[in-house]
Amino acid sequence: MTTHHFHAAVWIDHHEARVFHFSPTDVDTLVLHPDHPTRHIHHKANSIGSGNAAEDHAFLQAVAQSIADAGAVLITGPANAKTELVKHISQHDPQLMKKIVAVETVDHPSDAQLVAHAKRYFKTEDRMLPQKD
């Protein structure tokens, strides 16, 4: 049985999503992969299409579901997948948008580096939020 953690961080690209639910002393990790990972698409002159891979809605939905019970979420990643995830959430689960506190460009950190970054982020962010009685 996993413990519920208020904070979550996501690192996502088109090949995988690493989802971390954490507290100051504990981290639960989930790695999700799309059913059909995209390959790099090279745009050729005089060809039809943008040269961009189509969004994988099933993959984005699985990632969204994995963070649905978090209270505050930091979304990170190196390229467009993070903004595609936010767009997907805004269209399919607008309530979850309220929990996304930031979207940041982050290259390819180790799991430990990403969790440390997210903990520092939330430590600062939580100080700015109104305190609950």
C-alpha atoms as a PDB file:
ATOM      1  CA  MET A   1       0.000   0.000   0.000  1.00  0.00           C
ATOM      2  CA  THR A   2       1.385   3.384  -0.908  1.00  0.00           C
ATOM      3  CA  THR A   3       1.180   6.387   1.353  1.00  0.00           C
ATOM      4  CA  HIS A   4      -0.589   9.479   0.051  1.00  0.00           C
ATOM      5  CA  HIS A   5       1.830  12.352  -0.481  1.00  0.00           C
ATOM      6  CA  PHE A   6       0.683  15.936  -1.032  1.00  0.00           C
ATOM      7  CA  HIS A   7       3.499  16.876  -3.451  1.00  0.00           C
ATOM      8  CA  ALA A   8       4.230  15.328  -6.840  1.00  0.00           C
ATOM      9  CA  ALA A   9       6.731  16.005  -9.603  1.00  0.00           C
ATOM     10  CA  VAL A  10       6.610  14.762 -13.182  1.00  0.00           C
ATOM     11  CA  TRP A  11       9.467  14.559 -15.682  1.00  0.00           C
ATOM     12  CA  ILE A  12       8.082  13.776 -19.132  1.00  0.00           C
ATOM     13  CA  ASP A  13       9.282  13.401 -22.702  1.00  0.00           C
ATOM     14  CA  HIS A  14       7.794  11.438 -25.615  1.00  0.00           C
ATOM     15  CA  HIS A  15       9.467   8.188 -24.491  1.00  0.00           C
ATOM     16  CA  GLU A  16       8.557   8.066 -20.798  1.00  0.00           C
ATOM     17  CA  ALA A  17       7.149   9.879 -17.808  1.00  0.00           C
ATOM     18  CA  ARG A  18       8.708   9.598 -14.370  1.00  0.00           C
ATOM     19  CA  VAL A  19       6.246  10.495 -11.621  1.00  0.00           C
ATOM     20  CA  PHE A  20       7.339  11.120  -8.036  1.00  0.00           C
ATOM     21  CA  HIS A  21       4.972  11.469  -5.084  1.00  0.00           C
ATOM     22  CA  PHE A  22       6.968  12.568  -2.065  1.00  0.00           C
ATOM     23  CA  SER A  23       7.187  13.889   1.460  1.00  0.00           C
ATOM     24  CA  PRO A  24      10.312  15.185   3.210  1.00  0.00           C
ATOM     25  CA  THR A  25      11.278  11.613   4.137  1.00  0.00           C
ATOM     26  CA  ASP A  26       9.671   9.319   1.534  1.00  0.00           C
ATOM     27  CA  VAL A  27       9.397   9.011  -2.260  1.00  0.00           C
ATOM     28  CA  ASP A  28       7.138   6.800  -4.382  1.00  0.00           C
ATOM     29  CA  THR A  29       8.220   6.490  -8.015  1.00  0.00           C
ATOM     30  CA  LEU A  30       6.197   5.456 -11.045  1.00  0.00           C
ATOM     31  CA  VAL A  31       7.565   5.178 -14.587  1.00  0.00           C
ATOM     32  CA  LEU A  32       5.086   5.232 -17.466  1.00  0.00           C
ATOM     33  CA  HIS A  33       5.771   4.504 -21.135  1.00  0.00           C
ATOM     34  CA  PRO A  34       3.580   5.245 -24.148  1.00  0.00           C
ATOM     35  CA  ASP A  35       2.230   2.233 -26.030  1.00  0.00           C
ATOM     36  CA  HIS A  36       3.722   3.642 -29.233  1.00  0.00           C
ATOM     37  CA  PRO A  37       6.750   5.793 -28.418  1.00  0.00           C
ATOM     38  CA  THR A  38       7.447   8.394 -31.051  1.00  0.00           C
ATOM     39  CA  ARG A  39      10.539   8.359 -33.151  1.00  0.00           C
ATOM     40  CA  HIS A  40      12.252  11.523 -34.266  1.00  0.00           C
ATOM     41  CA  ILE A  41      10.469  12.757 -37.360  1.00  0.00           C
ATOM     42  CA  HIS A  42      12.455  14.702 -39.898  1.00  0.00           C
ATOM     43  CA  HIS A  43      10.540  17.164 -42.014  1.00  0.00           C
ATOM     44  CA  LYS A  44      11.332  16.868 -45.717  1.00  0.00           C
ATOM     45  CA  ALA A  45      10.978  19.691 -48.198  1.00  0.00           C
ATOM     46  CA  ASN A  46       7.804  19.565 -50.284  1.00  0.00           C
ATOM     47  CA  SER A  47       6.188  16.972 -48.005  1.00  0.00           C
ATOM     48  CA  ILE A  48       2.832  17.201 -46.301  1.00  0.00           C
ATOM     49  CA  GLY A  49       2.719  17.488 -42.518  1.00  0.00           C
ATOM     50  CA  SER A  50       4.423  19.517 -39.843  1.00  0.00           C
ATOM     51  CA  GLY A  51       7.163  17.024 -39.033  1.00  0.00           C
ATOM     52  CA  ASN A  52       5.862  16.823 -35.456  1.00  0.00           C
ATOM     53  CA  ALA A  53       4.714  13.615 -33.811  1.00  0.00           C
ATOM     54  CA  ALA A  54       1.054  13.365 -32.873  1.00  0.00           C
ATOM     55  CA  GLU A  55       0.197  13.569 -29.199  1.00  0.00           C
ATOM     56  CA  ASP A  56      -0.359  10.216 -27.468  1.00  0.00           C
ATOM     57  CA  HIS A  57      -3.573  10.907 -25.553  1.00  0.00           C
ATOM     58  CA  ALA A  58      -3.638   7.527 -23.786  1.00  0.00           C
ATOM     59  CA  PHE A  59      -0.098   8.155 -22.469  1.00  0.00           C
ATOM     60  CA  LEU A  60      -0.948  11.709 -21.391  1.00  0.00           C
ATOM     61  CA  GLN A  61      -4.134  10.471 -19.697  1.00  0.00           C
ATOM     62  CA  ALA A  62      -2.193   7.800 -17.778  1.00  0.00           C
ATOM     63  CA  VAL A  63       0.239  10.469 -16.556  1.00  0.00           C
ATOM     64  CA  ALA A  64      -2.640  12.781 -15.580  1.00  0.00           C
ATOM     65  CA  GLN A  65      -4.309   9.961 -13.634  1.00  0.00           C
ATOM     66  CA  SER A  66      -1.059   9.222 -11.817  1.00  0.00           C
ATOM     67  CA  ILE A  67      -1.002  12.746 -10.330  1.00  0.00           C
ATOM     68  CA  ALA A  68      -4.758  13.184  -9.783  1.00  0.00           C
ATOM     69  CA  ASP A  69      -4.563  12.591  -6.015  1.00  0.00           C
ATOM     70  CA  ALA A  70      -1.666  15.009  -5.413  1.00  0.00           C
ATOM     71  CA  GLY A  71      -2.255  18.382  -3.823  1.00  0.00           C
ATOM     72  CA  ALA A  72       0.490  20.252  -5.697  1.00  0.00           C
ATOM     73  CA  VAL A  73       2.298  19.206  -8.876  1.00  0.00           C
ATOM     74  CA  LEU A  74       5.509  20.380 -10.548  1.00  0.00           C
ATOM     75  CA  ILE A  75       5.729  19.338 -14.234  1.00  0.00           C
ATOM     76  CA  THR A  76       9.153  19.203 -15.878  1.00  0.00           C
ATOM     77  CA  GLY A  77      10.762  17.914 -19.039  1.00  0.00           C
ATOM     78  CA  PRO A  78      13.205  18.813 -21.792  1.00  0.00           C
ATOM     79  CA  ALA A  79      10.866  19.619 -24.706  1.00  0.00           C
ATOM     80  CA  ASN A  80       7.212  19.771 -25.802  1.00  0.00           C
ATOM     81  CA  ALA A  81       5.780  16.777 -23.926  1.00  0.00           C
ATOM     82  CA  LYS A  82       5.368  18.803 -20.720  1.00  0.00           C
ATOM     83  CA  THR A  83       3.264  21.450 -22.479  1.00  0.00           C
ATOM     84  CA  GLU A  84       1.287  18.718 -24.274  1.00  0.00           C
ATOM     85  CA  LEU A  85       0.565  17.192 -20.850  1.00  0.00           C
ATOM     86  CA  VAL A  86      -0.650  20.535 -19.473  1.00  0.00           C
ATOM     87  CA  LYS A  87      -2.814  21.087 -22.585  1.00  0.00           C
ATOM     88  CA  HIS A  88      -4.262  17.579 -22.224  1.00  0.00           C
ATOM     89  CA  ILE A  89      -5.067  18.155 -18.547  1.00  0.00           C
ATOM     90  CA  SER A  90      -6.680  21.534 -19.248  1.00  0.00           C
ATOM     91  CA  GLN A  91      -8.931  19.939 -21.892  1.00  0.00           C
ATOM     92  CA  HIS A  92      -9.772  16.680 -20.104  1.00  0.00           C
ATOM     93  CA  ASP A  93      -9.472  17.400 -16.353  1.00  0.00           C
ATOM     94  CA  PRO A  94      -9.715  21.159 -15.679  1.00  0.00           C
ATOM     95  CA  GLN A  95      -9.923  20.591 -11.897  1.00  0.00           C
ATOM     96  CA  LEU A  96      -6.438  19.056 -11.958  1.00  0.00           C
ATOM     97  CA  MET A  97      -5.068  22.270 -13.521  1.00  0.00           C
ATOM     98  CA  LYS A  98      -5.538  23.994 -10.136  1.00  0.00           C
ATOM     99  CA  LYS A  99      -2.942  21.642  -8.638  1.00  0.00           C
ATOM    100  CA  ILE A 100      -0.203  22.381 -11.202  1.00  0.00           C
ATOM    101  CA  VAL A 101       2.019  24.967  -9.540  1.00  0.00           C
ATOM    102  CA  ALA A 102       4.696  25.249 -12.246  1.00  0.00           C
ATOM    103  CA  VAL A 103       5.953  23.898 -15.552  1.00  0.00           C
ATOM    104  CA  GLU A 104       9.727  23.990 -15.970  1.00  0.00           C
ATOM    105  CA  THR A 105      12.200  23.025 -18.665  1.00  0.00           C
ATOM    106  CA  VAL A 106      14.599  20.494 -17.174  1.00  0.00           C
ATOM    107  CA  ASP A 107      16.974  18.423 -19.304  1.00  0.00           C
ATOM    108  CA  HIS A 108      17.622  14.825 -18.149  1.00  0.00           C
ATOM    109  CA  PRO A 109      18.251  14.808 -14.383  1.00  0.00           C
ATOM    110  CA  SER A 110      18.651  11.640 -12.375  1.00  0.00           C
ATOM    111  CA  ASP A 111      15.646  10.679 -10.271  1.00  0.00           C
ATOM    112  CA  ALA A 112      17.464  11.858  -7.135  1.00  0.00           C
ATOM    113  CA  GLN A 113      18.330  15.224  -8.741  1.00  0.00           C
ATOM    114  CA  LEU A 114      14.738  15.783  -9.835  1.00  0.00           C
ATOM    115  CA  VAL A 115      13.289  14.911  -6.425  1.00  0.00           C
ATOM    116  CA  ALA A 116      15.830  17.197  -4.709  1.00  0.00           C
ATOM    117  CA  HIS A 117      14.920  20.025  -7.115  1.00  0.00           C
ATOM    118  CA  ALA A 118      11.185  19.485  -6.515  1.00  0.00           C
ATOM    119  CA  LYS A 119      11.649  19.425  -2.735  1.00  0.00           C
ATOM    120  CA  ARG A 120      13.550  22.730  -2.878  1.00  0.00           C
ATOM    121  CA  TYR A 121      10.882  24.177  -5.169  1.00  0.00           C
ATOM    122  CA  PHE A 122       8.017  23.168  -2.891  1.00  0.00           C
ATOM    123  CA  LYS A 123       9.833  24.277   0.249  1.00  0.00           C
ATOM    124  CA  THR A 124      10.016  27.786  -1.234  1.00  0.00           C
ATOM    125  CA  GLU A 125       6.557  27.622  -2.830  1.00  0.00           C
ATOM    126  CA  ASP A 126       4.879  26.367   0.367  1.00  0.00           C
ATOM    127  CA  ARG A 127       6.302  29.309   2.309  1.00  0.00           C
ATOM    128  CA  MET A 128       4.469  31.629  -0.068  1.00  0.00           C
ATOM    129  CA  LEU A 129       1.106  29.914   0.286  1.00  0.00           C
ATOM    130  CA  PRO A 130      -1.358  31.049   2.959  1.00  0.00           C
ATOM    131  CA  GLN A 131      -0.907  28.901   6.032  1.00  0.00           C
ATOM    132  CA  LYS A 132      -3.794  26.687   7.069  1.00  0.00           C
ATOM    133  CA  ASP A 133      -4.908  26.710  10.719  1.00  0.00           C
END
